[in-house]
């Protein structure tokens, strides 16, 4: 029997999942790791803690499954994107904490570049909005603030990578400094039209080319891992949201998925068309199985499931994240409460780094349940704005939304989402589509799967949520949400 090992390295935890050829989960292991907030708007990880947590889950899932490493046909890697790691090539150790995608320390740098008129050039070359979210300004900050970093980078002594690169380096014991097109397209240094690192952008951000990884298609034999008793090819690599799009079998233009994780990330497959958004979205590389370039439109919500964690950890409204659904369902509605969880500013379609979060519409009768329901609604409101922007940009009628991620198990959230969108929201049998996408990519390269049609045939629907309210009511709810957001942006 042949199996595939998917490494799903996320913002708050690392997971390893073993899939069989039918795309079914045989065993999984997960381990959380610490988040660090050294200053206001700073978010950091310890890259060594990320690696050790990932390594621990690999060992645990192999032991748990009873599957020998010789039975693993390939490893697929999927990862939190944009998070920036710089390490010393000789020692293999990071030179500073990893700067997480949520980190906003480079907001003033981005504002300065915007004032100098670089926004249009950056968007035309990369498909991205000039924002601290992406890796380029994080990398520039590290080179400018860590002693001797810039001189070492220019001498070729340092390596930069997003988390995929960092894991590949560790898995190969320092033999691989690689990435794939989906992760490279999130750095704000990659020209998505020419499929290469952009020399003009490297000059703009003062990034030495010697620090960059080699970039390949997402389904590619990057190299081998020898850590677990046998040689296992590393044959799949993709940023988590593109991997989820692939795992949801959204291979045709017009198909869309939304992942409800720490943030919410909606992608619309546009195939070989690279759309330039007029509505606050970004264009990004979709998974490449061969050398044929594929694209997607993407909208990013910075705070999705993280708002549930905040209510649990900071306000102590419930003990477990899953408890929020029962609490929210104990009231018929939010009773006028609107929660805008702009803890890291606002992502698409606003891209406003300065907005702060707020809970509006409170009164003496407001209960914890109303706030919990407003938090769930906030996730759905933010995601609805993304889909409407996609329809406007692509001039495509999206007929259904495939969903995944941890919060997609929340039936109340998905029903609210369907009500706001006016289209079916479809949950698959396998919610771990991010990991599944990485497994498919690795399996395709190593011959476990013959083609995309075989992967498509494995997708199974678990439940379909249909709209229950009128479009007039849905429009009214969306208008109230937008009014709240606009009010906060003017403060």
Protein backbone atom coordinates (compact mmCIF):
# COMPACT_ATOMS: atom_id res chain seq x y z
CA UNK A 1 0.00 0.00 0.00
CA UNK A 2 1.23 3.49 -0.94
CA UNK A 3 0.79 6.50 1.32
CA UNK A 4 1.48 10.22 1.16
CA UNK A 5 2.72 12.36 4.05
CA UNK A 6 1.47 15.96 4.14
CA UNK A 7 3.09 18.53 6.40
CA UNK A 8 0.67 21.36 7.19
CA UNK A 9 2.60 24.09 8.97
CA UNK A 10 0.16 26.74 10.16
CA UNK A 11 0.21 29.97 12.10
CA UNK A 12 -0.55 28.45 15.48
CA UNK A 13 0.23 24.75 15.07
CA UNK A 14 2.07 22.18 12.98
CA UNK A 15 0.34 19.08 11.67
CA UNK A 16 1.37 15.94 9.87
CA UNK A 17 -1.25 13.85 8.07
CA UNK A 18 -0.86 10.53 6.28
CA UNK A 19 -3.27 9.99 3.39
CA UNK A 20 -3.90 6.83 1.42
CA UNK A 21 -4.22 6.84 -2.35
CA UNK A 22 -7.99 7.47 -2.07
CA UNK A 23 -7.34 10.76 -0.26
CA UNK A 24 -8.54 9.40 3.07
CA UNK A 25 -6.85 10.31 6.35
CA UNK A 26 -5.05 7.34 7.90
CA UNK A 27 -3.57 9.21 10.85
CA UNK A 28 -2.79 12.74 11.94
CA UNK A 29 -0.82 14.51 14.65
CA UNK A 30 -0.85 18.14 15.68
CA UNK A 31 1.22 20.30 18.01
CA UNK A 32 0.80 23.96 18.91
CA UNK A 33 3.77 26.28 19.31
CA UNK A 34 4.12 29.68 21.01
CA UNK A 35 3.21 33.03 19.51
CA UNK A 36 5.27 36.06 20.52
CA UNK A 37 4.08 39.68 20.65
CA UNK A 38 7.16 41.69 21.72
CA UNK A 39 5.66 45.08 20.81
CA UNK A 40 2.35 46.50 19.69
CA UNK A 41 1.56 45.24 16.15
CA UNK A 42 4.58 42.87 16.18
CA UNK A 43 3.96 39.12 15.77
CA UNK A 44 6.87 36.66 15.85
CA UNK A 45 7.61 32.94 15.81
CA UNK A 46 10.70 31.01 16.76
CA UNK A 47 11.57 29.17 13.53
CA UNK A 48 13.36 26.42 15.47
CA UNK A 49 10.21 25.87 17.54
CA UNK A 50 8.26 25.59 14.29
CA UNK A 51 10.68 22.96 12.99
CA UNK A 52 10.74 20.98 16.24
CA UNK A 53 6.94 20.97 16.41
CA UNK A 54 6.72 19.80 12.79
CA UNK A 55 9.35 17.11 13.36
CA UNK A 56 7.54 15.88 16.47
CA UNK A 57 4.27 15.50 14.55
CA UNK A 58 6.00 13.55 11.75
CA UNK A 59 7.47 11.08 14.24
CA UNK A 60 4.15 10.84 16.08
CA UNK A 61 2.04 10.24 12.98
CA UNK A 62 4.38 7.51 11.71
CA UNK A 63 4.27 5.82 15.10
CA UNK A 64 0.51 6.29 15.43
CA UNK A 65 -0.24 4.87 11.99
CA UNK A 66 2.18 1.97 12.16
CA UNK A 67 3.23 2.82 8.62
CA UNK A 68 6.90 2.40 7.79
CA UNK A 69 8.73 5.28 6.14
CA UNK A 70 9.41 2.98 3.17
CA UNK A 71 5.67 3.01 2.45
CA UNK A 72 5.58 6.80 2.11
CA UNK A 73 5.70 7.59 -1.61
CA UNK A 74 6.36 11.30 -1.10
CA UNK A 75 6.17 14.28 1.22
CA UNK A 76 4.06 17.32 0.41
CA UNK A 77 4.60 20.61 2.26
CA UNK A 78 1.99 23.31 2.77
CA UNK A 79 2.54 26.30 4.98
CA UNK A 80 1.53 29.64 6.44
CA UNK A 81 2.56 32.14 3.80
CA UNK A 82 4.53 35.40 3.89
CA UNK A 83 6.06 34.59 7.30
CA UNK A 84 9.73 35.45 6.87
CA UNK A 85 12.73 33.46 8.08
CA UNK A 86 16.40 34.34 7.57
CA UNK A 87 19.03 31.83 8.63
CA UNK A 88 22.77 31.32 8.54
CA UNK A 89 23.68 28.75 5.87
CA UNK A 90 26.64 27.41 7.87
CA UNK A 91 24.95 26.95 11.23
CA UNK A 92 21.41 26.42 9.95
CA UNK A 93 20.11 28.67 12.73
CA UNK A 94 17.83 31.68 12.26
CA UNK A 95 19.51 35.04 12.82
CA UNK A 96 16.37 36.48 14.47
CA UNK A 97 12.75 35.56 15.19
CA UNK A 98 10.55 34.84 12.19
CA UNK A 99 8.32 37.80 11.31
CA UNK A 100 4.76 36.48 10.94
CA UNK A 101 2.37 37.46 8.15
CA UNK A 102 0.17 39.24 10.72
CA UNK A 103 3.02 41.54 11.78
CA UNK A 104 2.51 45.25 10.99
CA UNK A 105 5.89 46.73 11.98
CA UNK A 106 6.62 47.84 8.42
CA UNK A 107 3.42 49.88 7.99
CA UNK A 108 5.31 53.19 7.89
CA UNK A 109 7.76 51.77 5.33
CA UNK A 110 4.84 50.78 3.11
CA UNK A 111 3.26 54.21 3.54
CA UNK A 112 6.52 55.87 2.49
CA UNK A 113 6.75 53.70 -0.63
CA UNK A 114 3.12 54.44 -1.40
CA UNK A 115 3.79 58.18 -1.08
CA UNK A 116 6.67 57.79 -3.53
CA UNK A 117 4.30 56.29 -6.09
CA UNK A 118 5.43 52.64 -6.09
CA UNK A 119 2.03 51.02 -5.45
CA UNK A 120 1.06 50.71 -9.11
CA UNK A 121 4.40 49.24 -10.20
CA UNK A 122 4.35 46.68 -7.39
CA UNK A 123 0.80 45.61 -8.19
CA UNK A 124 1.48 45.36 -11.92
CA UNK A 125 4.54 43.17 -11.40
CA UNK A 126 3.42 41.02 -8.46
CA UNK A 127 -0.38 41.17 -8.45
CA UNK A 128 -0.15 42.26 -4.80
CA UNK A 129 -1.20 45.34 -2.86
CA UNK A 130 1.63 47.26 -1.18
CA UNK A 131 1.15 46.12 2.41
CA UNK A 132 3.17 44.90 5.45
CA UNK A 133 1.37 41.55 5.04
CA UNK A 134 3.84 40.39 2.38
CA UNK A 135 7.44 39.28 2.85
CA UNK A 136 9.50 41.95 1.07
CA UNK A 137 9.29 44.68 3.71
CA UNK A 138 9.76 42.11 6.49
CA UNK A 139 12.95 40.86 4.84
CA UNK A 140 14.18 44.41 4.29
CA UNK A 141 13.53 45.17 7.98
CA UNK A 142 15.60 42.17 9.06
CA UNK A 143 18.52 43.14 6.82
CA UNK A 144 18.39 46.71 8.12
CA UNK A 145 17.97 45.95 11.84
CA UNK A 146 19.91 42.75 12.61
CA UNK A 147 23.65 43.43 13.07
CA UNK A 148 25.80 42.35 10.08
CA UNK A 149 22.78 40.82 8.32
CA UNK A 150 23.08 42.86 5.16
CA UNK A 151 26.81 42.26 4.66
CA UNK A 152 26.39 38.53 5.29
CA UNK A 153 23.47 38.40 2.85
CA UNK A 154 25.52 40.13 0.15
CA UNK A 155 28.31 37.58 0.69
CA UNK A 156 25.89 34.69 0.25
CA UNK A 157 26.11 33.54 3.87
CA UNK A 158 22.40 33.90 4.65
CA UNK A 159 19.27 32.24 3.29
CA UNK A 160 15.80 33.79 3.16
CA UNK A 161 12.71 31.73 2.92
CA UNK A 162 9.06 31.46 3.73
CA UNK A 163 8.16 28.48 5.91
CA UNK A 164 8.15 26.02 3.00
CA UNK A 165 11.80 26.85 2.32
CA UNK A 166 12.68 26.56 6.00
CA UNK A 167 11.09 23.10 6.29
CA UNK A 168 12.70 21.87 3.07
CA UNK A 169 16.11 23.01 4.39
CA UNK A 170 15.57 21.11 7.64
CA UNK A 171 14.12 17.98 6.03
CA UNK A 172 17.07 17.81 3.62
CA UNK A 173 19.63 18.56 6.36
CA UNK A 174 20.70 21.78 4.68
CA UNK A 175 20.83 20.48 1.11
CA UNK A 176 17.81 22.34 -0.27
CA UNK A 177 17.16 26.07 -0.47
CA UNK A 178 13.99 25.98 -2.55
CA UNK A 179 10.46 27.30 -2.83
CA UNK A 180 7.53 26.98 -5.20
CA UNK A 181 5.73 29.57 -7.31
CA UNK A 182 2.78 29.97 -4.94
CA UNK A 183 4.97 30.91 -2.00
CA UNK A 184 7.30 33.03 -4.12
CA UNK A 185 4.30 34.97 -5.41
CA UNK A 186 3.56 36.09 -1.82
CA UNK A 187 6.92 37.77 -1.23
CA UNK A 188 6.25 40.95 -3.26
CA UNK A 189 9.54 40.20 -5.02
CA UNK A 190 8.28 37.70 -7.63
CA UNK A 191 7.10 38.79 -11.08
CA UNK A 192 4.03 36.62 -11.63
CA UNK A 193 3.93 37.40 -15.36
CA UNK A 194 7.57 36.55 -16.11
CA UNK A 195 7.71 33.79 -13.46
CA UNK A 196 10.97 34.99 -11.90
CA UNK A 197 12.46 37.15 -9.17
CA UNK A 198 12.08 40.75 -10.29
CA UNK A 199 15.35 42.70 -10.48
CA UNK A 200 13.64 46.08 -10.18
CA UNK A 201 11.87 45.06 -7.00
CA UNK A 202 15.04 43.59 -5.52
CA UNK A 203 16.67 46.98 -6.07
CA UNK A 204 13.69 48.85 -4.64
CA UNK A 205 13.73 46.83 -1.41
CA UNK A 206 17.53 46.51 -1.42
CA UNK A 207 17.43 42.69 -1.31
CA UNK A 208 20.57 40.79 -2.43
CA UNK A 209 19.65 38.07 -4.96
CA UNK A 210 22.08 35.66 -3.22
CA UNK A 211 19.68 35.30 -0.29
CA UNK A 212 16.76 33.99 -2.39
CA UNK A 213 15.68 30.36 -2.87
CA UNK A 214 15.42 28.49 -6.18
CA UNK A 215 11.79 28.41 -7.31
CA UNK A 216 10.02 25.48 -9.02
CA UNK A 217 6.48 24.35 -9.89
CA UNK A 218 4.34 23.22 -6.95
CA UNK A 219 4.42 19.59 -8.09
CA UNK A 220 8.13 18.92 -8.43
CA UNK A 221 10.80 16.60 -7.08
CA UNK A 222 12.58 19.22 -4.98
CA UNK A 223 14.92 16.73 -3.32
CA UNK A 224 14.91 13.96 -0.72
CA UNK A 225 14.53 13.50 3.00
CA UNK A 226 16.64 10.86 4.79
CA UNK A 227 15.63 11.57 8.39
CA UNK A 228 13.20 8.71 8.96
CA UNK A 229 15.04 5.57 7.96
CA UNK A 230 14.53 5.67 4.21
CA UNK A 231 14.72 8.06 1.27
CA UNK A 232 11.43 9.97 0.87
CA UNK A 233 11.05 12.40 -2.05
CA UNK A 234 9.88 15.93 -1.25
CA UNK A 235 7.59 16.33 -4.24
CA UNK A 236 4.87 18.83 -3.39
CA UNK A 237 5.04 22.37 -2.06
CA UNK A 238 2.42 25.12 -1.94
CA UNK A 239 1.27 27.97 0.24
CA UNK A 240 -1.64 26.91 2.39
CA UNK A 241 -4.40 28.75 0.52
CA UNK A 242 -3.34 27.67 -2.96
CA UNK A 243 -2.95 24.15 -1.58
CA UNK A 244 -6.51 24.26 -0.23
CA UNK A 245 -7.78 25.43 -3.63
CA UNK A 246 -6.03 22.42 -5.14
CA UNK A 247 -7.31 20.06 -2.44
CA UNK A 248 -10.85 21.29 -3.09
CA UNK A 249 -10.39 20.21 -6.74
CA UNK A 250 -11.03 23.77 -7.94
CA UNK A 251 -9.12 23.17 -11.14
CA UNK A 252 -11.43 25.07 -13.51
CA UNK A 253 -11.81 28.82 -13.90
CA UNK A 254 -14.77 30.14 -11.91
CA UNK A 255 -14.49 27.68 -9.02
CA UNK A 256 -13.97 29.24 -5.57
CA UNK A 257 -13.09 28.12 -2.07
CA UNK A 258 -12.89 29.81 1.33
CA UNK A 259 -10.68 28.57 4.15
CA UNK A 260 -11.76 29.53 7.65
CA UNK A 261 -8.58 29.41 9.69
CA UNK A 262 -6.78 31.99 11.81
CA UNK A 263 -7.71 34.32 8.97
CA UNK A 264 -10.11 33.68 6.11
CA UNK A 265 -8.77 33.26 2.62
CA UNK A 266 -10.95 33.05 -0.44
CA UNK A 267 -9.51 32.09 -3.81
CA UNK A 268 -11.13 32.08 -7.23
CA UNK A 269 -9.43 29.92 -9.84
CA UNK A 270 -8.79 31.98 -12.99
CA UNK A 271 -6.63 29.39 -14.83
CA UNK A 272 -4.21 31.09 -17.28
CA UNK A 273 -5.82 34.54 -16.88
CA UNK A 274 -4.06 36.89 -14.47
CA UNK A 275 -6.79 39.36 -13.52
CA UNK A 276 -5.88 42.82 -12.28
CA UNK A 277 -8.30 43.54 -9.46
CA UNK A 278 -10.22 46.80 -9.34
CA UNK A 279 -11.90 45.91 -6.05
CA UNK A 280 -9.14 45.43 -3.51
CA UNK A 281 -8.23 41.82 -4.27
CA UNK A 282 -4.85 40.46 -5.24
CA UNK A 283 -3.70 38.27 -8.10
CA UNK A 284 -1.57 35.33 -7.10
CA UNK A 285 -0.01 32.22 -8.55
CA UNK A 286 -2.14 29.09 -8.23
CA UNK A 287 -0.52 25.65 -7.96
CA UNK A 288 1.54 24.61 -10.96
CA UNK A 289 1.64 20.92 -11.84
CA UNK A 290 3.87 21.53 -14.83
CA UNK A 291 5.47 24.65 -16.32
CA UNK A 292 2.08 26.07 -17.32
CA UNK A 293 1.38 29.16 -15.21
CA UNK A 294 -1.91 29.21 -13.31
CA UNK A 295 -3.48 32.14 -11.45
CA UNK A 296 -6.11 32.93 -8.86
CA UNK A 297 -7.84 35.99 -7.46
CA UNK A 298 -7.53 36.12 -3.68
CA UNK A 299 -9.09 38.01 -0.83
CA UNK A 300 -7.53 37.85 2.61
CA UNK A 301 -9.30 38.44 5.92
CA UNK A 302 -6.64 38.86 8.59
CA UNK A 303 -8.80 37.89 11.58
CA UNK A 304 -11.21 34.99 11.06
CA UNK A 305 -11.07 32.13 13.52
CA UNK A 306 -8.62 34.21 15.57
CA UNK A 307 -11.59 36.25 16.84
CA UNK A 308 -12.92 33.07 18.46
CA UNK A 309 -9.55 32.50 20.13
CA UNK A 310 -9.63 36.10 21.37
CA UNK A 311 -13.06 35.67 22.95
CA UNK A 312 -11.83 32.46 24.59
CA UNK A 313 -8.40 33.62 25.78
CA UNK A 314 -8.90 37.33 26.49
CA UNK A 315 -12.57 37.64 27.45
CA UNK A 316 -12.96 34.05 28.73
CA UNK A 317 -16.49 33.74 27.31
CA UNK A 318 -16.06 29.98 26.88
CA UNK A 319 -13.51 27.24 27.53
CA UNK A 320 -13.12 25.61 24.11
CA UNK A 321 -13.29 27.29 20.71
CA UNK A 322 -15.99 24.83 19.64
CA UNK A 323 -18.22 26.11 22.48
CA UNK A 324 -18.92 29.34 20.62
CA UNK A 325 -21.55 27.76 18.37
CA UNK A 326 -23.81 26.68 21.24
CA UNK A 327 -23.38 30.06 22.95
CA UNK A 328 -24.21 31.95 19.75
CA UNK A 329 -27.24 29.76 19.11
CA UNK A 330 -28.68 30.52 22.56
CA UNK A 331 -29.94 33.84 21.10
CA UNK A 332 -31.90 34.33 17.86
CA UNK A 333 -29.61 37.09 16.58
CA UNK A 334 -26.89 39.51 17.68
CA UNK A 335 -29.48 42.08 18.86
CA UNK A 336 -27.82 44.89 16.94
CA UNK A 337 -24.26 44.09 18.03
CA UNK A 338 -21.65 44.35 15.26
CA UNK A 339 -18.12 43.09 15.88
CA UNK A 340 -15.37 44.37 13.59
CA UNK A 341 -12.28 42.30 14.56
CA UNK A 342 -9.66 44.54 12.97
CA UNK A 343 -6.94 43.39 15.39
CA UNK A 344 -4.34 43.55 12.60
CA UNK A 345 -5.97 46.25 10.51
CA UNK A 346 -8.26 45.31 7.64
CA UNK A 347 -7.25 43.14 4.70
CA UNK A 348 -9.18 42.87 1.44
CA UNK A 349 -10.99 44.73 0.09
CA UNK A 350 -9.93 47.69 2.29
CA UNK A 351 -6.19 47.19 2.95
CA UNK A 352 -6.27 49.64 5.84
CA UNK A 353 -3.49 48.92 8.33
CA UNK A 354 -4.60 51.63 10.75
CA UNK A 355 -8.13 50.49 11.63
CA UNK A 356 -8.61 49.15 15.14
CA UNK A 357 -11.10 46.50 16.21
CA UNK A 358 -14.40 47.42 17.85
CA UNK A 359 -17.62 45.97 19.20
CA UNK A 360 -20.49 48.29 18.32
CA UNK A 361 -24.16 48.47 19.30
CA UNK A 362 -23.77 47.46 22.94
CA UNK A 363 -26.56 48.18 25.42
CA UNK A 364 -27.58 47.13 28.92
CA UNK A 365 -29.30 44.03 27.61
CA UNK A 366 -26.28 42.78 25.63
CA UNK A 367 -25.18 39.31 26.69
CA UNK A 368 -22.07 37.28 26.03
CA UNK A 369 -24.13 35.25 23.54
CA UNK A 370 -24.83 38.35 21.44
CA UNK A 371 -21.12 39.13 21.25
CA UNK A 372 -20.35 35.50 20.35
CA UNK A 373 -22.95 35.57 17.57
CA UNK A 374 -21.65 38.92 16.30
CA UNK A 375 -18.16 37.39 16.15
CA UNK A 376 -19.39 34.52 13.98
CA UNK A 377 -21.29 36.97 11.80
CA UNK A 378 -18.12 39.06 11.42
CA UNK A 379 -16.31 36.11 9.88
CA UNK A 380 -19.17 35.67 7.40
CA UNK A 381 -19.49 39.40 6.64
CA UNK A 382 -15.80 39.75 5.85
CA UNK A 383 -15.85 36.66 3.63
CA UNK A 384 -18.99 37.84 1.81
CA UNK A 385 -17.25 41.08 0.86
CA UNK A 386 -14.49 39.02 -0.76
CA UNK A 387 -16.84 36.96 -2.91
CA UNK A 388 -18.78 39.99 -4.11
CA UNK A 389 -15.49 41.68 -5.05
CA UNK A 390 -14.44 38.55 -6.97
CA UNK A 391 -17.66 38.52 -8.95
CA UNK A 392 -17.17 42.18 -9.84
CA UNK A 393 -13.54 41.67 -10.86
CA UNK A 394 -13.99 38.47 -12.83
CA UNK A 395 -17.42 39.25 -14.30
CA UNK A 396 -18.18 35.66 -13.35
CA UNK A 397 -21.21 34.34 -11.53
CA UNK A 398 -19.88 32.09 -8.79
CA UNK A 399 -22.45 29.34 -8.36
CA UNK A 400 -21.19 27.75 -5.14
CA UNK A 401 -18.52 28.24 -2.50
CA UNK A 402 -16.49 25.26 -1.30
CA UNK A 403 -15.30 25.69 2.28
CA UNK A 404 -12.70 24.17 4.58
CA UNK A 405 -10.57 24.96 7.60
CA UNK A 406 -11.22 24.50 11.30
CA UNK A 407 -14.16 26.90 11.58
CA UNK A 408 -15.92 25.23 8.65
CA UNK A 409 -17.17 22.66 11.15
CA UNK A 410 -19.37 25.44 12.59
CA UNK A 411 -22.79 24.90 11.01
CA UNK A 412 -24.08 28.27 12.21
CA UNK A 413 -21.24 30.10 10.48
CA UNK A 414 -21.81 28.28 7.19
CA UNK A 415 -25.57 28.92 7.27
CA UNK A 416 -25.01 32.63 7.90
CA UNK A 417 -22.47 32.58 5.05
CA UNK A 418 -24.95 31.02 2.62
CA UNK A 419 -27.62 33.51 3.69
CA UNK A 420 -25.36 36.50 3.00
CA UNK A 421 -24.04 35.17 -0.32
CA UNK A 422 -27.28 33.81 -1.74
CA UNK A 423 -25.50 30.72 -3.12
CA UNK A 424 -24.85 27.20 -1.76
CA UNK A 425 -21.95 26.81 0.65
CA UNK A 426 -20.53 23.30 0.32
CA UNK A 427 -18.49 21.46 2.93
CA UNK A 428 -16.48 18.43 1.78
CA UNK A 429 -16.05 15.15 3.61
CA UNK A 430 -12.37 15.91 4.15
CA UNK A 431 -11.99 19.31 5.82
CA UNK A 432 -8.20 19.00 5.77
CA UNK A 433 -8.09 20.14 2.16
CA UNK A 434 -4.95 22.21 2.70
CA UNK A 435 -2.96 19.11 3.61
CA UNK A 436 -4.80 17.09 0.97
CA UNK A 437 -3.72 19.55 -1.73
CA UNK A 438 -0.07 19.08 -0.73
CA UNK A 439 -0.55 15.30 -0.84
CA UNK A 440 -2.11 15.50 -4.31
CA UNK A 441 0.76 17.66 -5.60
CA UNK A 442 3.35 15.21 -4.27
CA UNK A 443 1.39 12.20 -5.50
CA UNK A 444 1.02 13.60 -9.00
CA UNK A 445 4.76 14.14 -9.34
CA UNK A 446 5.65 10.64 -8.09
CA UNK A 447 3.02 8.84 -10.19
CA UNK A 448 0.61 7.97 -7.36
CA UNK A 449 -2.04 9.85 -9.36
CA UNK A 450 -2.14 9.87 -13.15
CA UNK A 451 -3.71 13.30 -13.69
CA UNK A 452 -5.97 16.02 -12.30
CA UNK A 453 -9.11 14.11 -13.28
CA UNK A 454 -8.14 11.33 -10.89
CA UNK A 455 -7.71 13.83 -8.05
CA UNK A 456 -11.01 15.51 -8.97
CA UNK A 457 -12.85 12.19 -8.74
CA UNK A 458 -11.82 11.81 -5.10
CA UNK A 459 -13.60 14.99 -3.90
CA UNK A 460 -16.75 14.25 -1.87
CA UNK A 461 -19.47 16.58 -0.59
CA UNK A 462 -20.42 16.22 3.09
CA UNK A 463 -23.11 18.90 3.47
CA UNK A 464 -24.62 21.71 1.42
CA UNK A 465 -25.94 24.87 3.12
CA UNK A 466 -28.63 26.71 1.14
CA UNK A 467 -29.69 30.36 1.63
CA UNK A 468 -32.71 30.78 3.92
CA UNK A 469 -33.24 34.56 3.92
CA UNK A 470 -34.29 36.96 1.16
CA UNK A 471 -31.71 38.90 -0.82
CA UNK A 472 -33.32 42.11 0.52
CA UNK A 473 -32.62 41.03 4.11
CA UNK A 474 -29.11 39.93 3.20
CA UNK A 475 -28.39 43.28 1.52
CA UNK A 476 -29.62 45.13 4.61
CA UNK A 477 -27.29 43.13 6.85
CA UNK A 478 -24.34 43.80 4.55
CA UNK A 479 -25.11 47.52 4.49
CA UNK A 480 -25.11 47.66 8.31
CA UNK A 481 -21.73 45.89 8.33
CA UNK A 482 -20.22 48.27 5.76
CA UNK A 483 -21.52 51.28 7.68
CA UNK A 484 -19.78 50.01 10.83
CA UNK A 485 -16.51 49.45 8.97
CA UNK A 486 -16.57 52.85 7.30
CA UNK A 487 -17.26 54.52 10.64
CA UNK A 488 -14.19 52.89 12.18
CA UNK A 489 -12.02 53.88 9.23
CA UNK A 490 -12.85 57.54 9.88
CA UNK A 491 -11.76 57.47 13.52
